[in-house]
PDB file of N, CA and C in Angstrom:
ATOM      1  N   MET A   1     -11.454  30.533   2.087  1.00  0.00           N
ATOM      2  CA  MET A   1     -11.100  29.836   3.117  1.00  0.00           C
ATOM      3  C   MET A   1     -11.862  28.733   2.907  1.00  0.00           C
ATOM      4  N   GLN A   2     -10.506  27.753   2.463  1.00  0.00           N
ATOM      5  CA  GLN A   2     -11.411  25.970   2.641  1.00  0.00           C
ATOM      6  C   GLN A   2     -10.736  25.617   3.970  1.00  0.00           C
ATOM      7  N   ARG A   3     -11.988  24.415   4.177  1.00  0.00           N
ATOM      8  CA  ARG A   3     -11.071  23.616   5.869  1.00  0.00           C
ATOM      9  C   ARG A   3     -11.026  22.226   5.116  1.00  0.00           C
ATOM     10  N   VAL A   4     -10.052  21.450   5.400  1.00  0.00           N
ATOM     11  CA  VAL A   4     -10.629  19.668   5.567  1.00  0.00           C
ATOM     12  C   VAL A   4     -11.405  19.703   6.836  1.00  0.00           C
ATOM     13  N   ARG A   5     -12.789  18.970   6.628  1.00  0.00           N
ATOM     14  CA  ARG A   5     -13.433  18.349   7.718  1.00  0.00           C
ATOM     15  C   ARG A   5     -12.864  17.497   9.090  1.00  0.00           C
ATOM     16  N   MET A   6     -12.848  17.836   9.385  1.00  0.00           N
ATOM     17  CA  MET A   6     -12.451  16.803  10.659  1.00  0.00           C
ATOM     18  C   MET A   6     -14.251  16.124  11.281  1.00  0.00           C
ATOM     19  N   LEU A   7     -13.506  14.709  11.818  1.00  0.00           N
ATOM     20  CA  LEU A   7     -14.283  13.642  12.135  1.00  0.00           C
ATOM     21  C   LEU A   7     -14.104  13.475  13.704  1.00  0.00           C
ATOM     22  N   GLY A   8     -12.938  13.720  14.197  1.00  0.00           N
ATOM     23  CA  GLY A   8     -13.167  14.308  15.871  1.00  0.00           C
ATOM     24  C   GLY A   8     -11.954  14.950  16.472  1.00  0.00           C
ATOM     25  N   MET A   9     -11.376  14.357  17.584  1.00  0.00           N
ATOM     26  CA  MET A   9     -10.331  15.035  17.823  1.00  0.00           C
ATOM     27  C   MET A   9      -9.458  14.238  16.900  1.00  0.00           C
ATOM     28  N   ALA A  10      -8.218  14.986  17.248  1.00  0.00           N
ATOM     29  CA  ALA A  10      -6.909  14.807  15.762  1.00  0.00           C
ATOM     30  C   ALA A  10      -6.113  13.545  16.164  1.00  0.00           C
ATOM     31  N   ALA A  11      -6.131  13.590  17.690  1.00  0.00           N
ATOM     32  CA  ALA A  11      -5.875  12.057  18.088  1.00  0.00           C
ATOM     33  C   ALA A  11      -6.361  10.706  17.195  1.00  0.00           C
ATOM     34  N   THR A  12      -7.657  10.934  17.378  1.00  0.00           N
ATOM     35  CA  THR A  12      -8.630  10.305  17.298  1.00  0.00           C
ATOM     36  C   THR A  12      -8.725   9.519  15.928  1.00  0.00           C
ATOM     37  N   ASP A  13      -8.866  11.039  14.951  1.00  0.00           N
ATOM     38  CA  ASP A  13      -7.895  10.614  12.894  1.00  0.00           C
ATOM     39  C   ASP A  13      -7.054  10.129  12.855  1.00  0.00           C
ATOM     40  N   LEU A  14      -5.620  10.121  13.382  1.00  0.00           N
ATOM     41  CA  LEU A  14      -4.566   9.525  13.027  1.00  0.00           C
ATOM     42  C   LEU A  14      -4.413   7.999  13.623  1.00  0.00           C
ATOM     43  N   ALA A  15      -6.194   7.953  15.248  1.00  0.00           N
ATOM     44  CA  ALA A  15      -5.846   6.270  15.409  1.00  0.00           C
ATOM     45  C   ALA A  15      -6.133   6.042  14.488  1.00  0.00           C
ATOM     46  N   TRP A  16      -7.387   6.394  13.418  1.00  0.00           N
ATOM     47  CA  TRP A  16      -8.635   5.406  12.657  1.00  0.00           C
ATOM     48  C   TRP A  16      -7.669   5.564  11.328  1.00  0.00           C
ATOM     49  N   VAL A  17      -6.890   6.208  10.857  1.00  0.00           N
ATOM     50  CA  VAL A  17      -5.654   6.072   9.917  1.00  0.00           C
ATOM     51  C   VAL A  17      -4.709   4.581  10.294  1.00  0.00           C
ATOM     52  N   ALA A  18      -4.446   4.512  11.702  1.00  0.00           N
ATOM     53  CA  ALA A  18      -3.746   3.764  11.900  1.00  0.00           C
ATOM     54  C   ALA A  18      -4.127   2.434  11.583  1.00  0.00           C
ATOM     55  N   ASP A  19      -5.515   1.711  12.158  1.00  0.00           N
ATOM     56  CA  ASP A  19      -6.182   0.773  12.270  1.00  0.00           C
ATOM     57  C   ASP A  19      -6.717   1.193  10.600  1.00  0.00           C
ATOM     58  N   GLY A  20      -6.741   1.716   9.874  1.00  0.00           N
ATOM     59  CA  GLY A  20      -7.145   1.379   8.113  1.00  0.00           C
ATOM     60  C   GLY A  20      -8.387   1.852   8.151  1.00  0.00           C
ATOM     61  N   SER A  21      -9.032   2.226   9.004  1.00  0.00           N
ATOM     62  CA  SER A  21     -10.821   2.871   8.795  1.00  0.00           C
ATOM     63  C   SER A  21     -10.840   4.007   8.221  1.00  0.00           C
ATOM     64  N   LEU A  22      -9.527   5.199   7.729  1.00  0.00           N
ATOM     65  CA  LEU A  22      -9.671   6.132   6.925  1.00  0.00           C
ATOM     66  C   LEU A  22      -7.823   5.586   6.404  1.00  0.00           C
ATOM     67  N   ASP A  23      -8.138   6.120   4.776  1.00  0.00           N
ATOM     68  CA  ASP A  23      -6.823   5.798   3.989  1.00  0.00           C
ATOM     69  C   ASP A  23      -5.645   7.532   4.916  1.00  0.00           C
ATOM     70  N   ALA A  24      -6.471   8.126   5.098  1.00  0.00           N
ATOM     71  CA  ALA A  24      -5.515   9.460   5.415  1.00  0.00           C
ATOM     72  C   ALA A  24      -5.792  10.175   6.627  1.00  0.00           C
ATOM     73  N   SER A  25      -5.795  11.281   6.913  1.00  0.00           N
ATOM     74  CA  SER A  25      -6.326  12.335   7.462  1.00  0.00           C
ATOM     75  C   SER A  25      -4.268  13.662   7.221  1.00  0.00           C
ATOM     76  N   VAL A  26      -5.443  14.471   7.278  1.00  0.00           N
ATOM     77  CA  VAL A  26      -4.517  15.906   7.240  1.00  0.00           C
ATOM     78  C   VAL A  26      -5.446  16.869   7.596  1.00  0.00           C
ATOM     79  N   MET A  27      -3.900  17.673   8.834  1.00  0.00           N
ATOM     80  CA  MET A  27      -4.428  18.857   9.320  1.00  0.00           C
ATOM     81  C   MET A  27      -3.306  19.914   9.566  1.00  0.00           C
ATOM     82  N   PHE A  28      -4.527  21.006   9.562  1.00  0.00           N
ATOM     83  CA  PHE A  28      -2.953  22.109   9.600  1.00  0.00           C
ATOM     84  C   PHE A  28      -3.199  23.225  10.301  1.00  0.00           C
ATOM     85  N   ASP A  29      -2.317  23.718  10.891  1.00  0.00           N
ATOM     86  CA  ASP A  29      -1.808  24.373  12.102  1.00  0.00           C
ATOM     87  C   ASP A  29      -2.226  23.438  13.709  1.00  0.00           C
ATOM     88  N   ASN A  30      -1.554  22.627  13.595  1.00  0.00           N
ATOM     89  CA  ASN A  30      -1.984  21.544  15.062  1.00  0.00           C
ATOM     90  C   ASN A  30      -1.300  22.005  15.601  1.00  0.00           C
ATOM     91  N   LYS A  31      -1.524  21.827  16.878  1.00  0.00           N
ATOM     92  CA  LYS A  31      -0.888  22.018  17.896  1.00  0.00           C
ATOM     93  C   LYS A  31      -0.544  20.365  18.588  1.00  0.00           C
ATOM     94  N   LEU A  32       0.776  20.445  19.483  1.00  0.00           N
ATOM     95  CA  LEU A  32       1.865  19.375  20.325  1.00  0.00           C
ATOM     96  C   LEU A  32       0.389  18.669  21.224  1.00  0.00           C
ATOM     97  N   TRP A  33      -0.208  19.072  22.039  1.00  0.00           N
ATOM     98  CA  TRP A  33      -0.709  18.522  22.242  1.00  0.00           C
ATOM     99  C   TRP A  33      -2.243  17.892  22.107  1.00  0.00           C
ATOM    100  N   ASP A  34      -2.496  17.893  20.604  1.00  0.00           N
ATOM    101  CA  ASP A  34      -3.697  17.645  19.892  1.00  0.00           C
ATOM    102  C   ASP A  34      -2.924  16.607  19.114  1.00  0.00           C
ATOM    103  N   THR A  35      -2.079  16.371  19.111  1.00  0.00           N
ATOM    104  CA  THR A  35      -1.873  14.886  17.935  1.00  0.00           C
ATOM    105  C   THR A  35      -0.593  14.018  18.538  1.00  0.00           C
ATOM    106  N   SER A  36       0.234  14.336  19.220  1.00  0.00           N
ATOM    107  CA  SER A  36       1.619  13.616  19.590  1.00  0.00           C
ATOM    108  C   SER A  36       0.768  12.461  20.473  1.00  0.00           C
ATOM    109  N   ALA A  37      -0.187  11.816  21.006  1.00  0.00           N
ATOM    110  CA  ALA A  37      -0.435  10.361  21.351  1.00  0.00           C
ATOM    111  C   ALA A  37      -1.056   9.510  19.522  1.00  0.00           C
ATOM    112  N   GLY A  38      -1.748  10.704  18.881  1.00  0.00           N
ATOM    113  CA  GLY A  38      -2.151   9.809  17.852  1.00  0.00           C
ATOM    114  C   GLY A  38      -1.271   9.520  16.234  1.00  0.00           C
ATOM    115  N   VAL A  39      -0.234  10.235  17.025  1.00  0.00           N
ATOM    116  CA  VAL A  39       0.941  10.074  16.101  1.00  0.00           C
ATOM    117  C   VAL A  39       2.062   9.421  16.460  1.00  0.00           C
ATOM    118  N   LEU A  40       2.490   8.869  17.784  1.00  0.00           N
ATOM    119  CA  LEU A  40       2.538   7.482  18.034  1.00  0.00           C
ATOM    120  C   LEU A  40       1.884   6.298  17.818  1.00  0.00           C
ATOM    121  N   ILE A  41       0.879   6.200  17.691  1.00  0.00           N
ATOM    122  CA  ILE A  41      -0.301   5.622  17.344  1.00  0.00           C
ATOM    123  C   ILE A  41      -0.008   4.903  15.938  1.00  0.00           C
ATOM    124  N   ALA A  42      -0.116   6.019  15.100  1.00  0.00           N
ATOM    125  CA  ALA A  42      -0.026   5.977  14.094  1.00  0.00           C
ATOM    126  C   ALA A  42       1.689   5.606  13.631  1.00  0.00           C
ATOM    127  N   ARG A  43       2.471   6.153  14.119  1.00  0.00           N
ATOM    128  CA  ARG A  43       4.292   5.436  13.842  1.00  0.00           C
ATOM    129  C   ARG A  43       4.178   4.201  14.568  1.00  0.00           C
ATOM    130  N   GLU A  44       3.813   3.810  15.309  1.00  0.00           N
ATOM    131  CA  GLU A  44       3.120   2.156  15.847  1.00  0.00           C
ATOM    132  C   GLU A  44       2.717   0.996  15.060  1.00  0.00           C
ATOM    133  N   ALA A  45       1.726   1.742  14.096  1.00  0.00           N
ATOM    134  CA  ALA A  45       1.356   0.743  13.064  1.00  0.00           C
ATOM    135  C   ALA A  45       1.423   1.041  11.709  1.00  0.00           C
ATOM    136  N   GLY A  46       2.540   1.543  11.032  1.00  0.00           N
ATOM    137  CA  GLY A  46       3.212   2.162  10.185  1.00  0.00           C
ATOM    138  C   GLY A  46       3.327   2.860   9.346  1.00  0.00           C
ATOM    139  N   VAL A  47       1.840   3.887  10.091  1.00  0.00           N
ATOM    140  CA  VAL A  47       1.472   4.989   8.919  1.00  0.00           C
ATOM    141  C   VAL A  47       2.769   5.879   8.862  1.00  0.00           C
ATOM    142  N   GLU A  48       2.910   6.755   7.706  1.00  0.00           N
ATOM    143  CA  GLU A  48       3.688   7.470   7.362  1.00  0.00           C
ATOM    144  C   GLU A  48       3.368   8.884   8.327  1.00  0.00           C
ATOM    145  N   VAL A  49       3.888   9.467   9.370  1.00  0.00           N
ATOM    146  CA  VAL A  49       3.327  10.921   9.352  1.00  0.00           C
ATOM    147  C   VAL A  49       4.553  11.739   8.824  1.00  0.00           C
ATOM    148  N   LEU A  50       3.802  12.461   8.586  1.00  0.00           N
ATOM    149  CA  LEU A  50       4.436  13.852   7.585  1.00  0.00           C
ATOM    150  C   LEU A  50       4.142  15.561   8.389  1.00  0.00           C
ATOM    151  N   ASP A  51       5.211  16.381   8.052  1.00  0.00           N
ATOM    152  CA  ASP A  51       4.508  17.222   7.802  1.00  0.00           C
ATOM    153  C   ASP A  51       3.999  17.992   6.478  1.00  0.00           C
ATOM    154  N   VAL A  52       3.118  19.393   6.423  1.00  0.00           N
ATOM    155  CA  VAL A  52       3.147  19.181   4.924  1.00  0.00           C
ATOM    156  C   VAL A  52       3.851  19.187   3.865  1.00  0.00           C
ATOM    157  N   ASP A  53       5.105  19.426   4.141  1.00  0.00           N
ATOM    158  CA  ASP A  53       6.102  19.800   2.965  1.00  0.00           C
ATOM    159  C   ASP A  53       6.581  19.008   2.710  1.00  0.00           C
ATOM    160  N   GLY A  54       6.180  17.874   3.513  1.00  0.00           N
ATOM    161  CA  GLY A  54       6.411  16.372   3.536  1.00  0.00           C
ATOM    162  C   GLY A  54       7.894  15.750   4.064  1.00  0.00           C
ATOM    163  N   THR A  55       8.125  16.168   4.950  1.00  0.00           N
ATOM    164  CA  THR A  55       9.486  15.933   5.800  1.00  0.00           C
ATOM    165  C   THR A  55       8.577  15.220   7.254  1.00  0.00           C
ATOM    166  N   ARG A  56       9.530  14.595   7.626  1.00  0.00           N
ATOM    167  CA  ARG A  56       8.877  13.506   8.605  1.00  0.00           C
ATOM    168  C   ARG A  56       8.196  14.452   9.586  1.00  0.00           C
ATOM    169  N   HIS A  57       7.645  14.648  10.660  1.00  0.00           N
ATOM    170  CA  HIS A  57       6.337  15.017  11.537  1.00  0.00           C
ATOM    171  C   HIS A  57       6.718  15.105  12.263  1.00  0.00           C
ATOM    172  N   THR A  58       7.544  16.577  13.237  1.00  0.00           N
ATOM    173  CA  THR A  58       8.060  17.015  14.252  1.00  0.00           C
ATOM    174  C   THR A  58       7.271  17.233  15.590  1.00  0.00           C
ATOM    175  N   PHE A  59       7.814  17.850  16.407  1.00  0.00           N
ATOM    176  CA  PHE A  59       6.908  18.687  17.579  1.00  0.00           C
ATOM    177  C   PHE A  59       6.882  20.445  17.048  1.00  0.00           C
ATOM    178  N   ASN A  60       7.870  20.502  16.073  1.00  0.00           N
ATOM    179  CA  ASN A  60       7.563  21.669  15.307  1.00  0.00           C
ATOM    180  C   ASN A  60       7.045  22.123  13.659  1.00  0.00           C
ATOM    181  N   SER A  61       6.457  20.692  13.908  1.00  0.00           N
ATOM    182  CA  SER A  61       5.470  20.756  12.310  1.00  0.00           C
ATOM    183  C   SER A  61       4.613  21.602  11.886  1.00  0.00           C
ATOM    184  N   ARG A  62       3.890  22.431  11.353  1.00  0.00           N
ATOM    185  CA  ARG A  62       2.823  23.244  10.850  1.00  0.00           C
ATOM    186  C   ARG A  62       1.670  22.551  10.771  1.00  0.00           C
ATOM    187  N   GLY A  63       1.878  20.486  10.077  1.00  0.00           N
ATOM    188  CA  GLY A  63       0.637  20.924   9.723  1.00  0.00           C
ATOM    189  C   GLY A  63       0.765  19.023  10.070  1.00  0.00           C
ATOM    190  N   THR A  64      -0.230  18.038  10.082  1.00  0.00           N
ATOM    191  CA  THR A  64       0.023  16.388   9.922  1.00  0.00           C
ATOM    192  C   THR A  64      -0.595  15.766   8.992  1.00  0.00           C
ATOM    193  N   VAL A  65       0.565  14.944   8.308  1.00  0.00           N
ATOM    194  CA  VAL A  65      -0.683  14.507   7.004  1.00  0.00           C
ATOM    195  C   VAL A  65       0.896  12.424   7.927  1.00  0.00           C
ATOM    196  N   ALA A  66      -1.350  12.301   8.101  1.00  0.00           N
ATOM    197  CA  ALA A  66      -0.550  10.537   7.783  1.00  0.00           C
ATOM    198  C   ALA A  66      -1.080   9.913   6.717  1.00  0.00           C
ATOM    199  N   VAL A  67      -1.457   9.003   6.773  1.00  0.00           N
ATOM    200  CA  VAL A  67      -1.194   8.572   4.853  1.00  0.00           C
ATOM    201  C   VAL A  67      -0.639   6.832   5.057  1.00  0.00           C
ATOM    202  N   ALA A  68      -1.582   6.060   4.175  1.00  0.00           N
ATOM    203  CA  ALA A  68      -1.195   4.897   4.340  1.00  0.00           C
ATOM    204  C   ALA A  68      -0.674   4.718   3.130  1.00  0.00           C
ATOM    205  N   GLY A  69       0.878   4.053   3.105  1.00  0.00           N
ATOM    206  CA  GLY A  69       2.352   4.379   2.436  1.00  0.00           C
ATOM    207  C   GLY A  69       1.709   4.815   1.018  1.00  0.00           C
ATOM    208  N   PRO A  70       1.246   4.309   0.037  1.00  0.00           N
ATOM    209  CA  PRO A  70       2.172   4.148  -1.460  1.00  0.00           C
ATOM    210  C   PRO A  70       0.911   5.589  -1.914  1.00  0.00           C
ATOM    211  N   LEU A  71       0.451   5.909  -1.090  1.00  0.00           N
ATOM    212  CA  LEU A  71      -0.750   7.500  -0.873  1.00  0.00           C
ATOM    213  C   LEU A  71       0.171   8.765  -0.741  1.00  0.00           C
ATOM    214  N   ALA A  72       1.115   8.399  -0.315  1.00  0.00           N
ATOM    215  CA  ALA A  72       1.636  10.117   0.356  1.00  0.00           C
ATOM    216  C   ALA A  72       2.091  11.065  -0.804  1.00  0.00           C
ATOM    217  N   ALA A  73       2.665  10.628  -1.449  1.00  0.00           N
ATOM    218  CA  ALA A  73       3.322  11.155  -2.288  1.00  0.00           C
ATOM    219  C   ALA A  73       2.066  11.941  -3.183  1.00  0.00           C
ATOM    220  N   GLU A  74       1.416  11.295  -3.672  1.00  0.00           N
ATOM    221  CA  GLU A  74       0.247  11.887  -4.545  1.00  0.00           C
ATOM    222  C   GLU A  74      -0.695  12.720  -3.698  1.00  0.00           C
ATOM    223  N   LEU A  75      -0.880  12.347  -2.125  1.00  0.00           N
ATOM    224  CA  LEU A  75      -2.013  13.704  -1.650  1.00  0.00           C
ATOM    225  C   LEU A  75      -1.098  14.655  -1.400  1.00  0.00           C
ATOM    226  N   LEU A  76       0.371  13.961  -0.984  1.00  0.00           N
ATOM    227  CA  LEU A  76       0.982  15.165  -0.899  1.00  0.00           C
ATOM    228  C   LEU A  76       0.684  16.344  -1.752  1.00  0.00           C
ATOM    229  N   GLY A  77       1.528  16.068  -3.195  1.00  0.00           N
ATOM    230  CA  GLY A  77       0.776  17.041  -4.019  1.00  0.00           C
ATOM    231  C   GLY A  77      -0.375  17.524  -4.517  1.00  0.00           C
ATOM    232  N   LEU A  78      -1.430  16.678  -4.022  1.00  0.00           N
ATOM    233  CA  LEU A  78      -2.481  17.730  -4.187  1.00  0.00           C
ATOM    234  C   LEU A  78      -3.064  18.496  -2.768  1.00  0.00           C
ATOM    235  N   ILE A  79      -2.224  18.290  -1.610  1.00  0.00           N
ATOM    236  CA  ILE A  79      -2.009  19.063  -0.472  1.00  0.00           C
ATOM    237  C   ILE A  79      -1.304  20.693  -1.051  1.00  0.00           C
ATOM    238  N   GLY A  80       0.396  20.460  -1.122  1.00  0.00           N
ATOM    239  CA  GLY A  80       1.195  21.393  -1.651  1.00  0.00           C
ATOM    240  C   GLY A  80       0.833  22.554  -0.259  1.00  0.00           C
ATOM    241  N   GLU A  81       2.189  23.338  -0.457  1.00  0.00           N
ATOM    242  CA  GLU A  81       2.416  24.286   0.022  1.00  0.00           C
ATOM    243  C   GLU A  81       1.186  25.787   0.015  1.00  0.00           C
ATOM    244  N   PRO A  82       0.798  26.147   1.301  1.00  0.00           N
ATOM    245  CA  PRO A  82      -0.149  27.121   1.107  1.00  0.00           C
ATOM    246  C   PRO A  82      -0.291  27.953  -0.129  1.00  0.00           C
ATOM    247  N   GLU A  83       1.291  29.049  -0.332  1.00  0.00           N
ATOM    248  CA  GLU A  83       1.512  29.093  -1.559  1.00  0.00           C
ATOM    249  C   GLU A  83       1.330  28.608  -2.929  1.00  0.00           C
ATOM    250  N   GLN A  84       1.758  27.438  -3.180  1.00  0.00           N
ATOM    251  CA  GLN A  84       1.164  26.762  -4.203  1.00  0.00           C
ATOM    252  C   GLN A  84      -0.458  26.639  -4.715  1.00  0.00           C
ATOM    253  N   ARG A  85      -0.845  26.429  -3.544  1.00  0.00           N
ATOM    254  CA  ARG A  85      -1.933  26.337  -4.051  1.00  0.00           C
ATOM    255  C   ARG A  85      -2.986  26.872  -4.513  1.00  0.00           C
ATOM    256  N   PRO A  86      -3.664  26.537  -5.681  1.00  0.00           N
ATOM    257  CA  PRO A  86      -4.356  27.607  -7.070  1.00  0.00           C
ATOM    258  C   PRO A  86      -5.863  28.125  -5.654  1.00  0.00           C
ATOM    259  N   ILE A  87      -6.280  29.626  -6.278  1.00  0.00           N
ATOM    260  CA  ILE A  87      -7.016  30.669  -5.528  1.00  0.00           C
ATOM    261  C   ILE A  87      -8.664  29.411  -6.765  1.00  0.00           C
TER     262      ILE A  87
END
């Protein structure tokens, strides 16, 4: 199993994307209470916050992808759905 490196709390990672310290943050299987504040901060800063399938992030999302505008399509293509990832 591969993991994405976390730099701190989920909300902190999202805030760092919001202020431009990170280009993107990817989290899988997150919980609402871990991401809500960071999602709000990121969206207010103009960051795209999506589910791992590319739809808008909601309370029911399976993951959180926060990314600065033009990188979204490329990053989502690299992530893909779990069943689409090469072994």
